[in-house]
Amino acid sequence: MLASSLSALAGLARPAARVVSPDAEGLARLVGQRGWAATTRFEHPTVAMIYDHRPGEVGAAAFANGLELYELSSAGTSLESLFLQLTTTPPPGAAGQSGRYS
């Protein structure tokens, strides 16, 4: 069994915010002004995944800049989803072994 400290697991979790705005230029400007360009992936000019930042932070910044949002949601890897991945995915080579992975 794989053992890890809570701080090590927390390091594997990566928060992200999915942002949808009708204002593509305003969204790009917000990302640039906040210094988020290196951790942002645009799925479309009006849809951005901003990694390492939570929706509350992104929403507050959008509000302060007068940026209209159509959607703001959590999209990163949480500790809960990480836990589920670790406890439901068999380790390499476990296929065909008796026990909980069979």
Protein backbone atom coordinates (compact mmCIF):
# COMPACT_ATOMS: atom_id res chain seq x y z
CA MET A 1 0.00 0.00 0.00
CA LEU A 2 1.15 3.52 -0.82
CA ALA A 3 1.59 5.81 2.19
CA SER A 4 1.85 9.57 2.07
CA SER A 5 1.52 12.50 4.41
CA LEU A 6 -1.41 14.88 4.13
CA SER A 7 0.94 17.69 3.09
CA ALA A 8 2.34 15.53 0.27
CA LEU A 9 -1.19 14.73 -0.92
CA ALA A 10 -2.18 18.40 -0.71
CA GLY A 11 0.78 19.16 -2.95
CA LEU A 12 -0.71 16.89 -5.62
CA ALA A 13 -4.06 18.69 -5.54
CA ARG A 14 -4.24 21.62 -7.94
CA PRO A 15 -7.09 24.10 -7.68
CA ALA A 16 -8.45 25.69 -10.84
CA ALA A 17 -11.29 27.93 -11.90
CA ARG A 18 -13.19 27.58 -15.17
CA VAL A 19 -14.31 31.00 -16.35
CA VAL A 20 -16.73 31.87 -19.14
CA SER A 21 -17.22 35.50 -20.11
CA PRO A 22 -18.88 37.13 -23.12
CA ASP A 23 -16.00 39.64 -23.12
CA ALA A 24 -12.99 37.83 -24.63
CA GLU A 25 -10.78 40.93 -24.53
CA GLY A 26 -11.71 41.66 -20.93
CA LEU A 27 -11.00 38.07 -19.90
CA ALA A 28 -7.59 38.13 -21.58
CA ARG A 29 -6.85 41.51 -19.98
CA LEU A 30 -7.81 40.20 -16.51
CA VAL A 31 -5.54 37.17 -16.91
CA GLY A 32 -2.65 39.39 -18.01
CA GLN A 33 -3.14 42.07 -15.34
CA ARG A 34 -3.30 39.50 -12.54
CA GLY A 35 -0.19 37.66 -13.72
CA TRP A 36 -2.12 34.47 -14.40
CA ALA A 37 -0.98 33.97 -18.02
CA ALA A 38 1.51 31.21 -17.18
CA THR A 39 -1.14 29.15 -15.40
CA THR A 40 -4.08 29.81 -17.74
CA ARG A 41 -5.24 27.70 -20.66
CA PHE A 42 -7.83 29.20 -23.00
CA GLU A 43 -10.26 26.60 -24.37
CA HIS A 44 -11.82 29.36 -26.48
CA PRO A 45 -11.29 33.15 -26.40
CA THR A 46 -14.24 33.40 -23.99
CA VAL A 47 -13.44 30.30 -21.87
CA ALA A 48 -10.41 30.00 -19.62
CA MET A 49 -9.09 27.44 -17.16
CA ILE A 50 -7.09 29.35 -14.56
CA TYR A 51 -4.95 26.91 -12.59
CA ASP A 52 -3.62 27.44 -9.06
CA HIS A 53 -6.41 29.91 -8.24
CA ARG A 54 -9.80 29.24 -6.71
CA PRO A 55 -13.11 30.50 -8.11
CA GLY A 56 -13.59 32.95 -5.23
CA GLU A 57 -10.32 34.72 -6.01
CA VAL A 58 -11.02 34.79 -9.75
CA GLY A 59 -14.60 35.97 -9.24
CA ALA A 60 -13.54 38.78 -6.91
CA ALA A 61 -10.92 39.93 -9.44
CA ALA A 62 -13.47 39.81 -12.27
CA PHE A 63 -15.97 41.80 -10.21
CA ALA A 64 -13.35 44.41 -9.27
CA ASN A 65 -12.53 44.83 -12.97
CA GLY A 66 -16.17 44.99 -14.05
CA LEU A 67 -15.86 41.79 -16.09
CA GLU A 68 -19.17 40.06 -16.72
CA LEU A 69 -19.06 36.30 -16.18
CA TYR A 70 -21.50 33.73 -17.51
CA GLU A 71 -19.89 30.88 -15.59
CA LEU A 72 -17.40 30.49 -12.75
CA SER A 73 -16.79 27.00 -11.40
CA SER A 74 -14.22 24.89 -9.62
CA ALA A 75 -12.36 22.66 -12.06
CA GLY A 76 -9.11 21.57 -10.47
CA THR A 77 -8.00 18.44 -8.67
CA SER A 78 -9.30 18.51 -5.10
CA LEU A 79 -8.09 16.38 -2.22
CA GLU A 80 -11.38 14.48 -2.46
CA SER A 81 -10.95 13.60 -6.14
CA LEU A 82 -7.29 12.76 -5.54
CA PHE A 83 -8.31 10.41 -2.72
CA LEU A 84 -10.85 8.69 -4.97
CA GLN A 85 -8.23 8.26 -7.72
CA LEU A 86 -5.75 6.75 -5.28
CA THR A 87 -8.24 4.37 -3.70
CA THR A 88 -10.03 3.17 -6.82
CA THR A 89 -7.17 2.78 -9.30
CA PRO A 90 -5.16 -0.44 -8.95
CA PRO A 91 -1.40 -0.01 -8.75
CA PRO A 92 0.63 -1.07 -11.82
CA GLY A 93 0.90 -4.84 -12.08
CA ALA A 94 -2.10 -5.47 -9.80
CA ALA A 95 -4.33 -6.75 -12.60
CA GLY A 96 -5.08 -10.41 -12.20
CA GLN A 97 -4.00 -10.56 -8.55
CA SER A 98 -6.43 -11.75 -5.94
CA GLY A 99 -7.67 -9.26 -3.40
CA ARG A 100 -9.49 -5.98 -3.67
CA TYR A 101 -8.33 -5.24 -7.26
CA SER A 102 -9.68 -8.39 -8.83
